[in-house]
Each structure stands twice: as C-alpha cells, then as structure tokens.
Amino acid sequence: MKVGDWKYRIIKQRTNLISGKTEETVEELFNIAWDPSERTNLIHEYPEKLTELKRVFNSFDEKE
C-alpha cells in the first residue's frame, strides 16, 4: 500500500517452493522518494509511520 512517499507491505508466511522451507511473515516500510529501489526497510526507524500506515492497511479488511 502506498501513501504519499511511503510504501507499506506485508509478505505473508509461505513455503518456499524451491527449498521447502517456511518463510515467516515480513512487514516492510519504505520511503520511495529516498529509496526508489526499496532496499532499506525503515520499519524500526519510523514506528509512528508504521502505525499510521498499518491502520489504513487494516481498514481494508474491515470493509469486506
């Protein structure tokens, strides 16, 4: 989900089809203005932005 320069996403737990290993759920937060290649996960540096975007993200589930 993208809001302004910020992008938040959740990659759900899954099984890697090549290795067979279970990969844990990962949350990622990027500022695409500073990092258009999405290489640096800013989730720990901007907890207030994480909370804000997570609230918006979770609101999509509530509407179904």
N, C-alpha and C. Protein backbone atom coordinates (compact mmCIF):
# COMPACT_ATOMS: atom_id res chain seq x y z
N MET A 1 0.83 -1.14 0.00
CA MET A 1 0.00 0.00 0.00
C MET A 1 0.90 1.23 0.00
N LYS A 2 0.55 2.21 -0.80
CA LYS A 2 1.36 3.42 -0.91
C LYS A 2 0.53 4.62 -0.48
N VAL A 3 1.13 5.46 0.38
CA VAL A 3 0.53 6.72 0.80
C VAL A 3 1.62 7.78 0.71
N GLY A 4 1.45 8.71 -0.21
CA GLY A 4 2.50 9.72 -0.41
C GLY A 4 3.79 9.05 -0.85
N ASP A 5 4.87 9.38 -0.15
CA ASP A 5 6.18 8.80 -0.47
C ASP A 5 6.43 7.48 0.26
N TRP A 6 5.47 7.04 1.07
CA TRP A 6 5.66 5.85 1.90
C TRP A 6 4.95 4.63 1.31
N LYS A 7 5.61 3.49 1.45
CA LYS A 7 5.04 2.22 0.99
C LYS A 7 5.16 1.19 2.11
N TYR A 8 4.04 0.57 2.42
CA TYR A 8 3.98 -0.47 3.44
C TYR A 8 3.46 -1.74 2.80
N ARG A 9 4.07 -2.85 3.15
CA ARG A 9 3.55 -4.12 2.65
C ARG A 9 3.83 -5.23 3.65
N ILE A 10 2.99 -6.25 3.56
CA ILE A 10 3.15 -7.46 4.36
C ILE A 10 3.33 -8.61 3.38
N ILE A 11 4.38 -9.38 3.60
CA ILE A 11 4.59 -10.60 2.83
C ILE A 11 4.25 -11.74 3.77
N LYS A 12 3.13 -12.40 3.51
CA LYS A 12 2.60 -13.44 4.40
C LYS A 12 3.50 -14.67 4.45
N GLN A 13 3.41 -15.38 5.57
CA GLN A 13 4.15 -16.62 5.73
C GLN A 13 3.81 -17.55 4.58
N ARG A 14 4.84 -18.22 4.09
CA ARG A 14 4.64 -19.13 2.97
C ARG A 14 5.74 -20.18 2.96
N THR A 15 5.56 -21.17 2.13
CA THR A 15 6.58 -22.19 1.95
C THR A 15 7.31 -21.91 0.65
N ASN A 16 8.62 -21.83 0.74
CA ASN A 16 9.44 -21.64 -0.45
C ASN A 16 9.37 -22.91 -1.29
N LEU A 17 8.92 -22.79 -2.52
CA LEU A 17 8.72 -23.97 -3.36
C LEU A 17 10.03 -24.64 -3.78
N ILE A 18 11.13 -23.90 -3.77
CA ILE A 18 12.41 -24.48 -4.16
C ILE A 18 13.07 -25.19 -2.99
N SER A 19 13.18 -24.49 -1.83
CA SER A 19 13.87 -25.07 -0.68
C SER A 19 12.96 -25.90 0.22
N GLY A 20 11.65 -25.64 0.14
CA GLY A 20 10.71 -26.33 1.02
C GLY A 20 10.64 -25.74 2.41
N LYS A 21 11.43 -24.70 2.67
CA LYS A 21 11.45 -24.07 4.00
C LYS A 21 10.30 -23.08 4.14
N THR A 22 9.82 -22.96 5.38
CA THR A 22 8.78 -21.98 5.68
C THR A 22 9.43 -20.62 5.89
N GLU A 23 8.92 -19.62 5.19
CA GLU A 23 9.41 -18.25 5.35
C GLU A 23 8.40 -17.49 6.18
N GLU A 24 8.86 -16.83 7.22
CA GLU A 24 7.99 -16.11 8.15
C GLU A 24 7.37 -14.88 7.48
N THR A 25 6.29 -14.40 8.06
CA THR A 25 5.65 -13.17 7.61
C THR A 25 6.60 -12.01 7.84
N VAL A 26 6.71 -11.12 6.86
CA VAL A 26 7.61 -9.98 6.93
C VAL A 26 6.81 -8.71 6.66
N GLU A 27 7.03 -7.68 7.48
CA GLU A 27 6.45 -6.37 7.23
C GLU A 27 7.57 -5.46 6.74
N GLU A 28 7.26 -4.62 5.75
CA GLU A 28 8.26 -3.72 5.19
C GLU A 28 7.69 -2.32 5.06
N LEU A 29 8.56 -1.34 5.32
CA LEU A 29 8.21 0.07 5.20
C LEU A 29 9.33 0.77 4.45
N PHE A 30 8.97 1.43 3.37
CA PHE A 30 9.95 2.14 2.55
C PHE A 30 9.51 3.57 2.30
N ASN A 31 10.47 4.46 2.18
CA ASN A 31 10.19 5.80 1.68
C ASN A 31 10.73 5.81 0.25
N ILE A 32 9.84 5.74 -0.71
CA ILE A 32 10.28 5.57 -2.10
C ILE A 32 10.86 6.84 -2.70
N ALA A 33 10.67 7.98 -2.04
CA ALA A 33 11.33 9.21 -2.51
C ALA A 33 12.83 9.13 -2.22
N TRP A 34 13.18 8.58 -1.06
CA TRP A 34 14.59 8.44 -0.67
C TRP A 34 15.20 7.17 -1.22
N ASP A 35 14.38 6.14 -1.39
CA ASP A 35 14.86 4.79 -1.70
C ASP A 35 13.95 4.15 -2.75
N PRO A 36 14.01 4.64 -3.99
CA PRO A 36 13.09 4.12 -5.02
C PRO A 36 13.28 2.63 -5.32
N SER A 37 14.43 2.08 -4.99
CA SER A 37 14.69 0.64 -5.23
C SER A 37 14.19 -0.24 -4.09
N GLU A 38 13.66 0.39 -3.03
CA GLU A 38 13.12 -0.34 -1.88
C GLU A 38 14.13 -1.33 -1.30
N ARG A 39 15.30 -0.82 -0.98
CA ARG A 39 16.37 -1.66 -0.44
C ARG A 39 16.49 -1.58 1.08
N THR A 40 16.01 -0.47 1.67
CA THR A 40 16.18 -0.27 3.11
C THR A 40 14.82 -0.28 3.80
N ASN A 41 14.60 -1.30 4.60
CA ASN A 41 13.36 -1.42 5.35
C ASN A 41 13.44 -0.48 6.56
N LEU A 42 12.56 0.51 6.61
CA LEU A 42 12.60 1.54 7.65
C LEU A 42 11.62 1.27 8.80
N ILE A 43 11.19 0.05 8.93
CA ILE A 43 10.15 -0.28 9.90
C ILE A 43 10.55 0.05 11.34
N HIS A 44 11.81 -0.09 11.70
CA HIS A 44 12.25 0.20 13.07
C HIS A 44 12.60 1.67 13.27
N GLU A 45 12.94 2.37 12.20
CA GLU A 45 13.32 3.77 12.30
C GLU A 45 12.12 4.72 12.36
N TYR A 46 10.97 4.28 11.85
CA TYR A 46 9.78 5.13 11.79
C TYR A 46 8.55 4.39 12.33
N PRO A 47 8.54 4.07 13.63
CA PRO A 47 7.41 3.31 14.18
C PRO A 47 6.09 4.07 14.10
N GLU A 48 6.13 5.40 14.17
CA GLU A 48 4.88 6.16 14.07
C GLU A 48 4.29 6.08 12.67
N LYS A 49 5.13 6.07 11.65
CA LYS A 49 4.65 5.93 10.27
C LYS A 49 4.12 4.51 10.05
N LEU A 50 4.79 3.53 10.63
CA LEU A 50 4.31 2.15 10.55
C LEU A 50 2.91 2.04 11.14
N THR A 51 2.71 2.61 12.32
CA THR A 51 1.40 2.56 12.96
C THR A 51 0.34 3.21 12.10
N GLU A 52 0.66 4.36 11.53
CA GLU A 52 -0.29 5.09 10.67
C GLU A 52 -0.69 4.27 9.44
N LEU A 53 0.31 3.76 8.73
CA LEU A 53 0.02 3.02 7.50
C LEU A 53 -0.62 1.66 7.79
N LYS A 54 -0.25 1.05 8.89
CA LYS A 54 -0.85 -0.23 9.26
C LYS A 54 -2.34 -0.05 9.56
N ARG A 55 -2.69 1.07 10.19
CA ARG A 55 -4.09 1.35 10.48
C ARG A 55 -4.89 1.47 9.18
N VAL A 56 -4.34 2.17 8.20
CA VAL A 56 -5.01 2.31 6.90
C VAL A 56 -5.09 0.94 6.21
N PHE A 57 -4.00 0.21 6.21
CA PHE A 57 -3.94 -1.11 5.57
C PHE A 57 -5.00 -2.04 6.17
N ASN A 58 -5.07 -2.08 7.49
CA ASN A 58 -6.01 -2.96 8.16
C ASN A 58 -7.46 -2.53 7.95
N SER A 59 -7.70 -1.27 7.65
CA SER A 59 -9.06 -0.80 7.42
C SER A 59 -9.67 -1.41 6.17
N PHE A 60 -8.85 -1.86 5.22
CA PHE A 60 -9.37 -2.50 4.02
C PHE A 60 -10.05 -3.82 4.35
N ASP A 61 -9.50 -4.58 5.31
CA ASP A 61 -10.11 -5.85 5.72
C ASP A 61 -11.44 -5.63 6.40
N GLU A 62 -11.57 -4.54 7.15
CA GLU A 62 -12.78 -4.26 7.90
C GLU A 62 -13.96 -3.95 6.99
N LYS A 63 -13.72 -3.46 5.78
CA LYS A 63 -14.78 -3.07 4.88
C LYS A 63 -15.39 -4.24 4.13
N GLU A 64 -14.76 -5.38 4.16
CA GLU A 64 -15.29 -6.56 3.43
C GLU A 64 -16.41 -7.23 4.18
